[in-house]
N, C-alpha and C. Protein backbone atom coordinates (compact mmCIF):
# COMPACT_ATOMS: atom_id res chain seq x y z
N MET A 1 -10.56 -5.56 20.90
CA MET A 1 -11.02 -5.28 19.51
C MET A 1 -12.12 -4.65 19.26
N SER A 2 -13.44 -5.16 19.78
CA SER A 2 -14.41 -4.57 18.68
C SER A 2 -14.63 -3.29 18.91
N LYS A 3 -14.17 -2.57 19.81
CA LYS A 3 -14.23 -0.70 19.53
C LYS A 3 -13.43 -0.46 18.64
N LEU A 4 -11.96 -1.05 17.79
CA LEU A 4 -11.42 -0.71 17.15
C LEU A 4 -12.10 -0.82 15.80
N LEU A 5 -12.59 -2.05 15.15
CA LEU A 5 -13.76 -2.67 14.44
C LEU A 5 -15.46 -1.65 13.85
N ASP A 6 -15.70 -1.28 15.09
CA ASP A 6 -16.78 -0.11 15.05
C ASP A 6 -15.97 0.73 14.57
N GLN A 7 -15.16 1.59 15.83
CA GLN A 7 -14.10 2.65 14.00
C GLN A 7 -13.49 2.21 13.21
N TYR A 8 -12.89 1.50 12.46
CA TYR A 8 -12.87 1.26 11.86
C TYR A 8 -14.11 0.69 10.50
N LYS A 9 -15.06 0.05 10.77
CA LYS A 9 -16.26 -0.15 9.74
C LYS A 9 -17.53 1.88 10.03
N LYS A 10 -16.98 1.96 11.10
CA LYS A 10 -17.20 3.92 10.51
C LYS A 10 -16.17 5.25 9.45
N LEU A 11 -14.70 4.63 9.76
CA LEU A 11 -14.27 5.14 9.18
C LEU A 11 -14.53 5.30 7.93
N LYS A 12 -14.33 3.49 7.61
CA LYS A 12 -14.64 3.55 6.22
C LYS A 12 -16.18 3.95 5.05
N GLN A 13 -17.15 4.62 6.71
CA GLN A 13 -18.51 4.23 5.63
C GLN A 13 -18.01 5.97 5.56
N GLU A 14 -16.97 6.74 5.67
CA GLU A 14 -16.70 8.56 5.60
C GLU A 14 -16.29 7.95 4.70
N ASP A 15 -14.39 7.90 4.32
CA ASP A 15 -13.78 7.26 3.26
C ASP A 15 -13.20 6.04 2.86
N ALA A 16 -14.32 5.48 1.70
CA ALA A 16 -13.69 3.95 1.92
C ALA A 16 -12.60 3.63 0.71
N SER A 17 -11.89 5.14 0.19
CA SER A 17 -10.58 4.74 0.28
C SER A 17 -9.56 5.12 0.84
N CYS A 18 -9.38 5.15 2.07
CA CYS A 18 -8.15 5.70 2.76
C CYS A 18 -8.25 4.72 3.38
N ILE A 19 -6.74 4.27 3.64
CA ILE A 19 -6.22 3.07 4.79
C ILE A 19 -6.26 3.53 5.89
N TYR A 20 -6.68 3.06 6.92
CA TYR A 20 -6.14 3.90 8.73
C TYR A 20 -5.84 2.47 9.05
N LEU A 21 -4.56 3.59 9.64
CA LEU A 21 -3.71 3.73 10.63
C LEU A 21 -3.10 3.60 11.94
N PHE A 22 -3.77 1.89 12.82
CA PHE A 22 -4.27 1.98 14.33
C PHE A 22 -3.46 2.88 14.70
N ARG A 23 -3.01 2.58 16.02
CA ARG A 23 -2.14 3.12 17.94
C ARG A 23 -2.18 1.78 18.72
N ILE A 24 -2.18 0.65 18.14
CA ILE A 24 -1.78 0.19 19.38
C ILE A 24 -1.09 -0.53 20.34
N GLY A 25 -0.78 0.90 21.66
CA GLY A 25 0.68 0.34 22.11
C GLY A 25 1.77 1.22 21.40
N ILE A 26 2.71 0.81 21.37
CA ILE A 26 4.10 0.88 19.94
C ILE A 26 3.57 -0.19 18.79
N PHE A 27 2.66 -0.18 18.17
CA PHE A 27 2.43 -0.14 17.01
C PHE A 27 2.03 -0.06 16.39
N TYR A 28 1.64 -0.07 15.15
CA TYR A 28 0.37 0.36 14.60
C TYR A 28 -0.38 -0.73 13.56
N ASN A 29 -1.71 -0.75 13.65
CA ASN A 29 -1.87 -2.47 13.33
C ASN A 29 -2.96 -1.83 11.71
N ILE A 30 -2.69 -1.68 10.81
CA ILE A 30 -3.65 -1.70 9.87
C ILE A 30 -4.80 -2.88 9.62
N ILE A 31 -6.03 -2.77 9.40
CA ILE A 31 -6.95 -3.85 9.92
C ILE A 31 -7.78 -3.76 8.51
N ASN A 32 -8.42 -5.28 8.12
CA ASN A 32 -9.10 -6.23 7.19
C ASN A 32 -8.99 -5.83 5.86
N GLU A 33 -9.74 -5.25 4.58
CA GLU A 33 -9.49 -4.70 3.25
C GLU A 33 -7.83 -4.29 3.72
N ASP A 34 -7.44 -3.36 4.26
CA ASP A 34 -7.02 -1.99 4.64
C ASP A 34 -5.78 -3.16 4.72
N ALA A 35 -5.37 -4.00 5.02
CA ALA A 35 -4.49 -5.20 5.54
C ALA A 35 -3.81 -5.60 4.53
N LYS A 36 -5.25 -6.21 3.34
CA LYS A 36 -4.84 -6.63 2.71
C LYS A 36 -4.33 -6.16 1.70
N ILE A 37 -4.84 -4.59 1.25
CA ILE A 37 -3.88 -3.20 0.76
C ILE A 37 -2.32 -3.99 0.85
N ILE A 38 -2.64 -3.15 1.88
CA ILE A 38 -1.17 -2.89 2.40
C ILE A 38 -0.33 -3.89 2.45
N ASN A 39 -0.74 -5.08 1.98
CA ASN A 39 -0.10 -6.52 2.38
C ASN A 39 0.64 -6.67 0.59
N GLU A 40 -0.42 -6.23 0.45
CA GLU A 40 0.15 -6.39 -1.09
C GLU A 40 0.73 -5.21 -1.88
N LYS A 41 0.86 -4.18 -1.47
CA LYS A 41 1.29 -3.31 -1.51
C LYS A 41 3.59 -3.18 -1.36
N LEU A 42 3.00 -2.73 0.38
CA LEU A 42 4.27 -3.30 1.36
C LEU A 42 4.27 -4.31 1.36
N GLY A 43 4.41 -5.87 1.23
CA GLY A 43 4.28 -6.65 1.73
C GLY A 43 4.16 -7.45 3.36
N LEU A 44 3.45 -6.23 3.97
CA LEU A 44 3.90 -6.38 5.52
C LEU A 44 2.59 -7.94 5.60
N LYS A 45 3.21 -8.78 6.22
CA LYS A 45 2.94 -10.42 6.79
C LYS A 45 1.54 -9.83 7.11
N ILE A 46 0.77 -10.77 6.36
CA ILE A 46 -1.11 -10.71 7.22
C ILE A 46 -1.36 -11.79 8.07
N THR A 47 -1.52 -10.70 10.09
CA THR A 47 -2.47 -12.12 11.01
C THR A 47 -3.42 -13.10 10.09
N ASP A 48 -4.32 -13.71 10.81
CA ASP A 48 -6.17 -14.02 10.89
C ASP A 48 -5.98 -14.09 11.98
N LEU A 49 -6.87 -13.36 11.96
CA LEU A 49 -7.63 -12.69 14.30
C LEU A 49 -8.43 -13.76 14.70
N GLY A 50 -9.15 -14.16 13.08
CA GLY A 50 -10.84 -15.22 13.65
C GLY A 50 -11.28 -14.11 12.11
N PRO A 51 -12.17 -15.11 12.59
CA PRO A 51 -13.65 -14.14 11.27
C PRO A 51 -13.28 -13.69 11.06
N ASN A 52 -12.91 -13.50 9.42
CA ASN A 52 -12.81 -11.67 9.15
C ASN A 52 -12.61 -10.82 9.56
N ILE A 53 -11.70 -11.29 10.36
CA ILE A 53 -10.63 -9.99 11.21
C ILE A 53 -9.24 -10.31 11.04
N PHE A 54 -8.40 -9.26 9.92
CA PHE A 54 -7.01 -9.28 9.38
C PHE A 54 -6.81 -8.21 10.41
N LYS A 55 -4.56 -8.34 9.96
CA LYS A 55 -3.88 -7.68 10.27
C LYS A 55 -3.16 -7.46 9.98
N CYS A 56 -1.83 -6.32 10.41
CA CYS A 56 -0.87 -6.15 9.33
C CYS A 56 -0.44 -5.49 10.67
N GLY A 57 0.95 -4.56 10.47
CA GLY A 57 0.83 -3.76 11.26
C GLY A 57 2.74 -3.83 11.08
N PHE A 58 3.74 -2.36 12.18
CA PHE A 58 4.79 -2.19 12.33
C PHE A 58 4.88 -1.05 13.69
N PRO A 59 5.76 -1.35 13.77
CA PRO A 59 6.08 0.01 15.25
C PRO A 59 6.56 1.26 14.88
N VAL A 60 5.87 1.43 16.75
CA VAL A 60 5.63 3.20 16.22
C VAL A 60 6.85 4.51 15.66
N SER A 61 8.53 2.76 15.80
CA SER A 61 9.23 3.80 14.69
C SER A 61 9.73 3.84 14.22
N GLN A 62 9.29 2.60 13.37
CA GLN A 62 8.64 2.82 11.56
C GLN A 62 8.02 3.13 11.27
N LEU A 63 7.01 4.82 12.50
CA LEU A 63 5.42 5.82 11.46
C LEU A 63 6.78 6.12 10.12
N ASP A 64 7.29 6.55 10.09
CA ASP A 64 7.98 7.86 9.14
C ASP A 64 8.22 7.29 7.86
N LYS A 65 8.89 5.44 8.01
CA LYS A 65 9.23 5.07 6.75
C LYS A 65 8.21 4.21 5.82
N TYR A 66 7.41 4.10 6.54
CA TYR A 66 6.36 4.05 6.09
C TYR A 66 4.26 4.82 5.67
N ILE A 67 5.40 5.51 5.79
CA ILE A 67 4.77 7.23 5.39
C ILE A 67 5.12 7.54 4.25
N LEU A 68 5.83 7.62 4.86
CA LEU A 68 7.31 7.35 3.05
C LEU A 68 7.40 6.80 2.13
N LEU A 69 7.15 5.43 2.56
CA LEU A 69 6.22 4.69 1.87
C LEU A 69 5.10 5.05 1.30
N LEU A 70 3.93 4.99 1.50
CA LEU A 70 2.68 5.60 1.77
C LEU A 70 1.88 6.60 0.45
N ASN A 71 3.14 7.72 0.34
CA ASN A 71 4.46 8.63 0.10
C ASN A 71 4.31 8.62 -1.50
N GLN A 72 4.93 7.89 -1.53
CA GLN A 72 5.68 7.70 -2.12
C GLN A 72 5.17 6.45 -3.44
N LEU A 73 4.46 5.72 -3.31
CA LEU A 73 2.94 5.46 -3.51
C LEU A 73 1.72 5.81 -4.07
N LYS A 74 1.49 6.97 -3.43
CA LYS A 74 -0.09 7.66 -3.91
C LYS A 74 -0.45 7.20 -3.06
N ILE A 75 -0.57 6.35 -2.16
CA ILE A 75 -1.90 5.62 -1.31
C ILE A 75 -2.15 6.82 0.30
N LYS A 76 -3.57 7.16 0.29
CA LYS A 76 -4.16 7.91 0.35
C LYS A 76 -4.17 7.12 1.75
N TYR A 77 -4.05 7.78 3.16
CA TYR A 77 -3.78 7.07 4.65
C TYR A 77 -4.38 8.03 5.32
N GLN A 78 -4.96 7.92 6.30
CA GLN A 78 -4.98 8.19 8.26
C GLN A 78 -4.32 7.74 9.47
N VAL A 79 -3.47 8.33 9.51
CA VAL A 79 -3.33 7.72 11.09
C VAL A 79 -3.74 7.71 12.14
N ILE A 80 -4.43 7.07 12.56
CA ILE A 80 -5.98 7.66 14.60
C ILE A 80 -4.07 6.52 15.61
N ASP A 81 -4.34 8.17 16.58
CA ASP A 81 -3.74 7.70 16.84
C ASP A 81 -4.97 8.29 18.25
N ASN A 82 -4.99 7.35 19.02
CA ASN A 82 -5.66 6.90 20.74
C ASN A 82 -4.78 7.39 22.10
N LEU A 83 -3.45 6.83 22.65
CA LEU A 83 -3.33 6.77 23.07
C LEU A 83 -2.12 7.97 22.99
N PRO A 84 -2.03 8.79 24.84
CA PRO A 84 -1.36 9.45 24.42
C PRO A 84 0.58 9.84 23.92
N ASN A 85 1.05 10.34 23.61
CA ASN A 85 1.91 10.16 23.50
C ASN A 85 3.47 10.22 23.94
N SER A 86 3.37 10.98 25.46
CA SER A 86 4.29 10.59 26.37
C SER A 86 4.68 9.09 25.66
N ASN A 87 4.29 8.42 26.19
CA ASN A 87 4.45 6.75 25.41
C ASN A 87 5.30 6.56 24.46
N ILE A 88 4.66 6.75 23.53
CA ILE A 88 5.44 6.82 22.82
C ILE A 88 6.89 7.18 22.35
N SER A 89 6.76 8.50 23.07
CA SER A 89 7.81 8.99 23.08
C SER A 89 8.51 8.39 23.57
N GLU A 90 8.46 8.36 24.71
CA GLU A 90 8.93 7.53 25.79
C GLU A 90 9.97 6.38 25.17
N TYR A 91 9.26 5.78 23.59
CA TYR A 91 9.86 4.00 23.86
C TYR A 91 9.97 4.35 22.21
N ILE A 92 10.53 5.34 21.36
CA ILE A 92 11.03 6.04 20.44
C ILE A 92 12.99 6.58 21.05
N ASN A 93 12.94 7.32 21.57
CA ASN A 93 13.57 7.36 22.93
C ASN A 93 14.54 6.58 23.18
N ASN A 94 14.16 6.04 23.51
CA ASN A 94 15.25 4.59 24.11
C ASN A 94 15.61 3.63 22.76
N ILE A 95 14.46 3.77 21.81
CA ILE A 95 15.39 2.81 20.62
C ILE A 95 16.59 2.99 20.32
N GLU A 96 16.52 5.43 20.33
CA GLU A 96 17.33 6.30 19.64
C GLU A 96 18.25 5.67 20.20
N ILE A 97 18.85 5.75 21.95
CA ILE A 97 19.93 5.77 22.61
C ILE A 97 19.91 4.51 22.67
N LYS A 98 19.61 3.41 22.45
CA LYS A 98 20.38 1.87 21.93
C LYS A 98 20.68 1.99 21.34
N LYS A 99 20.90 2.43 19.92
CA LYS A 99 21.30 2.85 18.35
C LYS A 99 22.63 3.18 18.90
N ILE A 100 22.31 5.07 19.67
CA ILE A 100 23.83 5.65 20.00
C ILE A 100 24.41 4.39 20.87
N LEU A 101 24.22 3.52 21.85
CA LEU A 101 24.74 2.80 22.52
C LEU A 101 25.35 1.87 21.41
N ASN A 102 24.65 1.31 20.73
CA ASN A 102 25.52 -0.03 20.20
C ASN A 102 26.76 0.53 19.37
N LYS A 103 25.90 2.20 18.74
CA LYS A 103 27.20 2.85 17.77
C LYS A 103 28.45 3.09 18.82
N ILE A 104 28.67 2.92 20.43
CA ILE A 104 29.59 3.50 20.34
C ILE A 104 30.61 1.94 21.45
N SER A 105 29.78 1.05 21.67
CA SER A 105 30.64 -0.53 21.75
C SER A 105 30.72 -1.18 21.26
N ASN A 106 30.12 -0.76 19.86
CA ASN A 106 31.33 -1.23 18.35
C ASN A 106 32.52 -1.12 17.42
N LEU A 107 32.89 0.40 18.75
CA LEU A 107 34.02 1.20 17.94
C LEU A 107 35.33 -0.13 18.26
N ASP A 108 35.88 -0.20 16.65
CA ASP A 108 36.93 -0.46 17.70
C ASP A 108 37.78 0.51 17.36
N MET A 109 38.44 0.92 18.34
CA MET A 109 38.66 1.68 19.40
C MET A 109 41.35 2.57 18.69
N ASN A 110 41.07 0.38 18.95
CA ASN A 110 42.57 0.40 17.69
C ASN A 110 42.21 1.03 15.76
N ASN A 111 41.32 1.47 15.31
CA ASN A 111 41.22 1.49 14.16
C ASN A 111 40.16 2.73 13.58
N THR A 112 40.31 3.43 14.42
CA THR A 112 39.64 4.62 14.46
C THR A 112 41.00 5.73 14.48
N THR A 113 40.54 5.99 13.08
CA THR A 113 41.14 7.89 13.10
C THR A 113 40.31 8.29 13.68
N PHE A 114 41.54 9.45 14.26
CA PHE A 114 40.64 11.22 14.74
C PHE A 114 39.06 11.79 14.11
N GLN A 115 40.01 11.56 12.58
CA GLN A 115 37.86 11.74 11.92
C GLN A 115 37.12 11.64 11.97
N GLN A 116 37.14 9.63 11.89
CA GLN A 116 36.12 8.99 12.77
C GLN A 116 35.77 9.07 13.68
N ALA A 117 36.42 9.17 14.55
CA ALA A 117 35.89 9.60 15.97
C ALA A 117 34.99 11.02 16.20
N PHE A 118 35.63 11.78 15.80
CA PHE A 118 34.63 13.62 15.74
C PHE A 118 32.94 13.43 14.46
N ASN A 119 33.80 12.56 13.90
CA ASN A 119 32.37 12.28 12.82
C ASN A 119 30.79 10.89 13.19
N ILE A 120 31.41 10.61 13.84
CA ILE A 120 30.81 10.41 15.07
C ILE A 120 30.22 10.28 16.95
N LEU A 121 31.17 12.13 16.77
CA LEU A 121 30.39 11.71 18.49
C LEU A 121 29.41 13.15 17.75
N LEU A 122 29.76 14.19 16.59
CA LEU A 122 29.03 14.89 15.95
C LEU A 122 27.92 14.21 15.60
N ASP A 123 27.48 13.35 15.43
CA ASP A 123 26.32 11.99 14.77
C ASP A 123 25.59 11.65 15.92
N ILE A 124 26.65 11.40 16.92
CA ILE A 124 25.55 11.46 17.78
C ILE A 124 24.92 12.76 18.78
N GLN A 125 26.11 13.73 18.68
CA GLN A 125 25.59 15.20 19.10
C GLN A 125 24.05 15.60 18.66
N LYS A 126 24.19 15.69 17.08
CA LYS A 126 23.13 15.50 16.52
C LYS A 126 21.40 14.81 17.46
N LYS A 127 21.84 13.38 16.94
CA LYS A 127 20.26 12.64 17.66
C LYS A 127 20.66 12.70 19.04
N LEU A 128 21.15 13.37 19.34
CA LEU A 128 20.95 13.22 20.96
C LEU A 128 20.30 14.49 20.81
N LYS A 129 20.64 15.31 20.28
CA LYS A 129 19.52 17.27 20.73
C LYS A 129 18.15 17.10 19.90
N ASP A 130 18.40 15.89 18.88
CA ASP A 130 16.89 15.50 18.12
C ASP A 130 16.51 14.88 19.26
N LEU A 131 16.06 14.50 20.17
CA LEU A 131 15.88 13.40 21.07
C LEU A 131 15.12 14.73 21.74
N GLU A 132 15.93 15.97 21.99
CA GLU A 132 15.40 16.64 23.12
C GLU A 132 14.03 17.54 23.18
């Protein structure tokens, strides 16, 4: 955590008005004063990690959702991504594949019209193409 805190402090010295989203594994973490602001604006829960260290965050699969919210609120932010993208792509792909499989397994074939089935297949095809 000390490397992250050092990086955070350096970035805040360069631009104190910016909220920094740090990717750590499969989550984006927001720390200290930035976490307090995000908690107030978006309601993300703050976790106390020790003396003067606070964080909040969200899974990488939710990045687009939070970027949209930050943009809507006109909050200046920067995504700090210190990890290779391949792990994140694999994680997101697995989440999307799980959603597709859940959609298929929850189908009630006795009460699904041809048009509904066709639309579901089109939706699945689009999601699979987006994963490529």
